[in-house]
Amino acid sequence: MNSLQLPLPLKPLASQIESLALPCAAFSLKPRTNTELDIGSSKLGGNPDLPDGFRWPEFGGKPQHLVLQINLADIAGITSLKGQLPTSGLLSFFYDLEEQPWGYDPAAIDGFHVSYFNSCAELNRQVTKRPDFALEEHALAFREEMTLPALGHRETNALTSSSAWNDDMYDAYSCLVADLGSLNPGRSGGKHRLLGHSENIQGDMQLEAQLVTNGLYCGNASGYEDPRRASLEKHADDWILLLQLDSDDIGNFMWGDSGMLYYWIRKQDLCELRFDRVWMTLQCC
């Protein structure tokens, strides 16, 4: 796995920064071809591979779209992630690509869905129920990468609270996070990953996940000012990133204004493969 190459302003805090690093399974989209992908292939968009009798997730009475399916055997060789995900089966992410709920409203908690199928042998190619707004199909290429929490992340708050932290360090850290693992350093777009740290565009998503999944509306200050926040926030750190899906010119899609989709899951739910308990949010500039 790639080691961290810290810029000069951050070297005095090397040990603290390196302690925050987490590995991920980063991936990029392959160019489209006319070759049909095998059933159970890792891919973005297109027609999903599902078992017979699968109950298609809906939002507002309409079927959701397949966003992504990951054949976990494709990332089983990433030893730094050993034990965090099964080594086989298909992990499928759905979302309403027409309505695109942002994730801050408990009333829209069913606008996204994740399913895990432990055997690809039981899957069949299904025709998407809503070809409108569907993403173009792209095969995926995986690689192992290191990630750091972005500024505004809960884990960087303690780091940046030091009186020694200055503007040069803020700039250096922001550039480090933006370039880390990127195939095109200095450019945005296409920073997709399973696990690792999220690259926040706006604020803290772990607290938002905890509040929204406990019924508090976070589209304004009301959820954050609710008296239940204090007790709920104690468990905000239970939430970890499951998937970060960036905007991508290759796939011809954009979330809001050059934003990202983030799927989050509680640590215990991941251990128990309870992917039905995920939470998703969209952030953009």
Protein backbone atom coordinates (compact mmCIF):
# COMPACT_ATOMS: atom_id res chain seq x y z
CA MET A 1 0.00 0.00 0.00
CA ASN A 2 1.18 3.49 -0.78
CA SER A 3 2.79 5.29 2.17
CA LEU A 4 2.05 8.89 2.99
CA GLN A 5 4.31 11.51 1.48
CA LEU A 6 3.80 14.47 3.78
CA PRO A 7 4.55 18.00 2.58
CA LEU A 8 7.05 19.99 4.62
CA PRO A 9 4.55 22.04 6.71
CA LEU A 10 3.00 18.78 8.02
CA LYS A 11 6.16 16.88 8.92
CA PRO A 12 6.12 18.04 12.60
CA LEU A 13 2.78 16.25 12.95
CA ALA A 14 3.75 13.16 10.96
CA SER A 15 2.95 10.62 13.68
CA GLN A 16 -0.48 12.12 14.42
CA ILE A 17 -1.43 12.32 10.76
CA GLU A 18 -0.20 8.83 9.93
CA SER A 19 -2.23 7.43 12.85
CA LEU A 20 -5.38 8.67 11.11
CA ALA A 21 -4.69 6.94 7.79
CA LEU A 22 -7.05 4.18 6.66
CA PRO A 23 -6.83 1.89 3.61
CA CYS A 24 -9.59 1.63 1.05
CA ALA A 25 -10.48 -0.18 -2.15
CA ALA A 26 -10.35 2.67 -4.64
CA PHE A 27 -11.74 2.08 -8.12
CA SER A 28 -12.08 3.79 -11.48
CA LEU A 29 -14.41 3.33 -14.43
CA LYS A 30 -13.18 1.49 -17.48
CA PRO A 31 -14.06 2.84 -20.95
CA ARG A 32 -17.30 1.47 -22.37
CA THR A 33 -17.09 -1.45 -24.80
CA ASN A 34 -19.59 -3.49 -26.79
CA THR A 35 -18.74 -6.62 -24.81
CA GLU A 36 -21.45 -7.78 -22.42
CA LEU A 37 -20.19 -8.11 -18.87
CA ASP A 38 -20.52 -11.48 -17.14
CA ILE A 39 -23.26 -11.89 -14.56
CA GLY A 40 -21.90 -10.88 -11.18
CA SER A 41 -19.31 -8.49 -12.60
CA SER A 42 -18.35 -5.37 -10.69
CA LYS A 43 -19.84 -2.43 -12.57
CA LEU A 44 -21.44 0.97 -12.43
CA GLY A 45 -25.01 1.31 -13.71
CA GLY A 46 -26.66 -0.76 -16.39
CA ASN A 47 -28.95 -3.71 -15.70
CA PRO A 48 -28.50 -5.28 -12.25
CA ASP A 49 -27.76 -8.91 -11.42
CA LEU A 50 -30.32 -10.12 -8.90
CA PRO A 51 -31.71 -13.37 -7.51
CA ASP A 52 -35.14 -14.50 -8.64
CA GLY A 53 -37.86 -13.09 -6.44
CA PHE A 54 -35.82 -10.08 -5.37
CA ARG A 55 -38.03 -7.29 -4.07
CA TRP A 56 -36.92 -4.27 -6.03
CA PRO A 57 -36.40 -1.25 -3.72
CA GLU A 58 -38.78 1.64 -4.36
CA PHE A 59 -38.99 5.31 -3.49
CA GLY A 60 -42.31 7.15 -3.74
CA GLY A 61 -43.83 4.11 -5.43
CA LYS A 62 -41.19 4.01 -8.18
CA PRO A 63 -38.36 1.45 -8.55
CA GLN A 64 -34.90 2.71 -7.71
CA HIS A 65 -31.94 2.55 -10.09
CA LEU A 66 -28.85 0.42 -9.78
CA VAL A 67 -25.93 2.70 -9.04
CA LEU A 68 -23.19 0.16 -8.47
CA GLN A 69 -22.58 -3.52 -7.91
CA ILE A 70 -19.33 -4.84 -6.46
CA ASN A 71 -18.18 -8.44 -6.74
CA LEU A 72 -16.34 -8.70 -3.43
CA ALA A 73 -13.98 -11.32 -4.84
CA ASP A 74 -12.46 -8.49 -6.88
CA ILE A 75 -11.15 -6.80 -3.73
CA ALA A 76 -10.44 -9.91 -1.63
CA GLY A 77 -6.74 -9.55 -2.46
CA ILE A 78 -6.49 -6.19 -0.68
CA THR A 79 -4.93 -7.57 2.49
CA SER A 80 -5.23 -4.32 4.44
CA LEU A 81 -9.03 -4.67 4.29
CA LYS A 82 -9.04 -8.30 5.42
CA GLY A 83 -11.95 -9.09 7.69
CA GLN A 84 -13.90 -5.92 6.98
CA LEU A 85 -15.98 -7.29 4.09
CA PRO A 86 -16.85 -10.80 2.89
CA THR A 87 -14.45 -12.22 0.30
CA SER A 88 -17.23 -13.29 -2.07
CA GLY A 89 -20.73 -12.33 -3.09
CA LEU A 90 -22.21 -9.18 -4.62
CA LEU A 91 -22.79 -5.86 -2.89
CA SER A 92 -25.38 -3.79 -4.79
CA PHE A 93 -26.16 -0.10 -4.27
CA PHE A 94 -29.47 1.44 -5.36
CA TYR A 95 -30.64 5.06 -5.47
CA ASP A 96 -33.48 7.09 -6.96
CA LEU A 97 -31.57 8.88 -9.72
CA GLU A 98 -34.55 11.04 -10.67
CA GLU A 99 -35.48 12.47 -7.26
CA GLN A 100 -31.95 12.22 -5.80
CA PRO A 101 -32.83 12.62 -2.10
CA TRP A 102 -29.98 14.27 -0.21
CA GLY A 103 -30.19 12.19 2.95
CA TYR A 104 -31.01 14.87 5.51
CA ASP A 105 -34.72 14.05 5.73
CA PRO A 106 -35.92 11.00 7.71
CA ALA A 107 -39.02 10.97 5.47
CA ALA A 108 -36.77 10.11 2.50
CA ILE A 109 -34.82 7.37 4.25
CA ASP A 110 -36.06 4.83 1.68
CA GLY A 111 -34.62 6.75 -1.30
CA PHE A 112 -31.58 4.47 -1.33
CA HIS A 113 -30.84 0.82 -0.61
CA VAL A 114 -27.96 -1.65 -0.34
CA SER A 115 -28.29 -5.42 -0.77
CA TYR A 116 -25.73 -8.17 -0.24
CA PHE A 117 -26.04 -11.47 -2.13
CA ASN A 118 -23.67 -14.10 -0.75
CA SER A 119 -23.58 -16.18 -3.93
CA CYS A 120 -23.21 -14.87 -7.46
CA ALA A 121 -24.23 -18.30 -8.77
CA GLU A 122 -27.84 -17.54 -7.86
CA LEU A 123 -28.00 -14.26 -9.77
CA ASN A 124 -29.58 -13.45 -13.12
CA ARG A 125 -29.35 -10.35 -15.30
CA GLN A 126 -32.51 -8.28 -14.78
CA VAL A 127 -33.73 -5.47 -17.01
CA THR A 128 -33.84 -2.21 -15.08
CA LYS A 129 -37.39 -1.20 -14.25
CA ARG A 130 -36.62 2.49 -14.94
CA PRO A 131 -34.34 3.10 -17.91
CA ASP A 132 -34.96 6.83 -17.53
CA PHE A 133 -32.08 8.49 -15.66
CA ALA A 134 -30.20 5.17 -15.47
CA LEU A 135 -26.40 5.32 -15.43
CA GLU A 136 -24.39 4.00 -18.36
CA GLU A 137 -22.76 0.65 -17.69
CA HIS A 138 -19.01 0.70 -16.96
CA ALA A 139 -16.75 -2.07 -15.71
CA LEU A 140 -14.51 -1.21 -12.75
CA ALA A 141 -10.78 -1.37 -12.04
CA PHE A 142 -9.75 -1.63 -8.38
CA ARG A 143 -6.61 -0.58 -6.54
CA GLU A 144 -5.49 -0.32 -2.93
CA GLU A 145 -5.07 3.21 -1.60
CA MET A 146 -4.54 5.11 1.64
CA THR A 147 -7.01 7.77 2.82
CA LEU A 148 -7.02 10.57 5.38
CA PRO A 149 -10.04 12.33 6.92
CA ALA A 150 -10.79 15.65 5.27
CA LEU A 151 -10.92 18.93 7.16
CA GLY A 152 -14.28 19.18 8.89
CA HIS A 153 -14.23 15.45 9.63
CA ARG A 154 -14.67 14.50 13.29
CA GLU A 155 -11.21 12.91 13.40
CA THR A 156 -9.42 16.03 12.20
CA ASN A 157 -10.98 18.36 14.76
CA ALA A 158 -8.54 17.41 17.50
CA LEU A 159 -5.63 17.59 15.08
CA THR A 160 -6.42 21.11 13.88
CA SER A 161 -7.34 22.48 17.32
CA SER A 162 -3.66 22.83 18.24
CA SER A 163 -2.40 26.41 18.51
CA ALA A 164 0.51 25.35 16.30
CA TRP A 165 -1.81 24.73 13.36
CA ASN A 166 -1.45 27.57 10.85
CA ASP A 167 -2.66 28.55 7.37
CA ASP A 168 0.23 26.79 5.63
CA MET A 169 -0.68 23.57 7.40
CA TYR A 170 -4.36 23.92 6.47
CA ASP A 171 -3.44 24.42 2.81
CA ALA A 172 -0.94 21.58 2.81
CA TYR A 173 -3.36 19.17 4.48
CA SER A 174 -6.20 20.07 2.12
CA CYS A 175 -3.97 19.42 -0.90
CA LEU A 176 -2.70 16.17 0.61
CA VAL A 177 -6.23 14.81 1.13
CA ALA A 178 -7.33 15.94 -2.33
CA ASP A 179 -4.37 14.34 -4.10
CA LEU A 180 -4.09 11.18 -2.00
CA GLY A 181 -4.97 8.19 -4.14
CA SER A 182 -6.05 10.31 -7.08
CA LEU A 183 -5.18 9.11 -10.58
CA ASN A 184 -5.13 12.77 -11.59
CA PRO A 185 -3.63 14.80 -8.70
CA GLY A 186 -4.92 18.33 -8.56
CA ARG A 187 -8.12 17.47 -10.44
CA SER A 188 -11.55 16.64 -9.08
CA GLY A 189 -13.82 13.82 -10.16
CA GLY A 190 -13.62 10.03 -10.14
CA LYS A 191 -12.47 9.52 -6.53
CA HIS A 192 -14.49 6.40 -5.86
CA ARG A 193 -13.80 4.09 -2.92
CA LEU A 194 -15.09 1.36 -0.66
CA LEU A 195 -14.24 1.91 3.03
CA GLY A 196 -11.50 4.27 4.19
CA HIS A 197 -12.20 7.90 5.06
CA SER A 198 -14.69 10.14 3.30
CA GLU A 199 -13.47 13.21 1.47
CA ASN A 200 -16.00 15.67 2.86
CA ILE A 201 -17.20 18.51 0.67
CA GLN A 202 -19.32 20.05 3.39
CA GLY A 203 -19.67 19.15 7.08
CA ASP A 204 -19.65 16.19 9.43
CA MET A 205 -21.64 13.27 8.00
CA GLN A 206 -21.30 10.90 10.96
CA LEU A 207 -23.36 13.13 13.23
CA GLU A 208 -25.88 13.73 10.47
CA ALA A 209 -26.21 9.96 9.94
CA GLN A 210 -26.84 9.43 13.63
CA LEU A 211 -29.44 12.19 13.87
CA VAL A 212 -31.35 11.41 10.66
CA THR A 213 -31.56 7.67 11.32
CA ASN A 214 -33.01 8.52 14.72
CA GLY A 215 -35.74 10.64 13.17
CA LEU A 216 -34.26 14.16 13.33
CA TYR A 217 -34.51 16.42 10.27
CA CYS A 218 -31.12 17.90 9.35
CA GLY A 219 -32.04 20.06 6.38
CA ASN A 220 -31.87 23.04 8.72
CA ALA A 221 -30.66 23.68 12.27
CA SER A 222 -33.64 22.00 13.95
CA GLY A 223 -32.11 18.53 14.17
CA TYR A 224 -28.82 19.84 15.49
CA GLU A 225 -30.57 21.97 18.12
CA ASP A 226 -32.90 19.18 19.25
CA PRO A 227 -32.44 18.24 22.93
CA ARG A 228 -31.88 14.61 21.89
CA ARG A 229 -28.68 15.54 20.07
CA ALA A 230 -26.48 15.28 23.17
CA SER A 231 -27.32 11.64 23.85
CA LEU A 232 -27.35 10.64 20.17
CA GLU A 233 -24.00 12.26 19.35
CA LYS A 234 -22.23 9.85 21.71
CA HIS A 235 -22.68 7.20 19.03
CA ALA A 236 -21.86 9.29 15.96
CA ASP A 237 -18.43 7.65 15.73
CA ASP A 238 -20.11 4.28 15.24
CA TRP A 239 -20.73 5.30 11.62
CA ILE A 240 -18.07 4.51 9.03
CA LEU A 241 -17.85 5.08 5.29
CA LEU A 242 -19.03 2.17 3.16
CA LEU A 243 -18.96 3.81 -0.28
CA GLN A 244 -17.90 7.13 -1.73
CA LEU A 245 -19.04 7.66 -5.32
CA ASP A 246 -17.70 10.82 -6.91
CA SER A 247 -18.95 12.70 -9.95
CA ASP A 248 -17.20 11.31 -13.01
CA ASP A 249 -16.75 12.60 -16.56
CA ILE A 250 -16.01 9.09 -17.84
CA GLY A 251 -19.37 7.86 -16.60
CA ASN A 252 -21.08 11.09 -17.68
CA PHE A 253 -22.73 11.74 -14.33
CA MET A 254 -22.57 14.44 -11.66
CA TRP A 255 -24.06 14.62 -8.17
CA GLY A 256 -25.41 18.14 -7.71
CA ASP A 257 -22.61 20.61 -8.47
CA SER A 258 -19.54 18.33 -8.79
CA GLY A 259 -20.58 16.47 -5.65
CA MET A 260 -20.34 12.98 -4.20
CA LEU A 261 -22.66 10.27 -2.92
CA TYR A 262 -21.69 8.70 0.40
CA TYR A 263 -23.14 5.50 1.86
CA TRP A 264 -22.50 5.05 5.59
CA ILE A 265 -22.95 2.07 7.91
CA ARG A 266 -22.54 1.44 11.63
CA LYS A 267 -19.52 -0.68 12.52
CA GLN A 268 -21.66 -3.32 14.21
CA ASP A 269 -24.07 -3.49 11.27
CA LEU A 270 -21.14 -4.06 8.91
CA CYS A 271 -19.86 -6.89 11.12
CA GLU A 272 -23.33 -8.44 10.98
CA LEU A 273 -23.74 -7.73 7.23
CA ARG A 274 -26.83 -5.62 7.97
CA PHE A 275 -26.60 -3.57 4.80
CA ASP A 276 -30.30 -2.77 5.05
CA ARG A 277 -29.37 -0.29 7.80
CA VAL A 278 -27.17 2.00 5.71
CA TRP A 279 -27.64 5.74 5.44
CA MET A 280 -26.76 7.83 2.38
CA THR A 281 -26.10 11.50 1.81
CA LEU A 282 -25.19 13.74 -1.10
CA GLN A 283 -22.77 16.63 -0.70
CA CYS A 284 -21.69 19.14 -3.33
CA CYS A 285 -20.00 22.50 -3.64
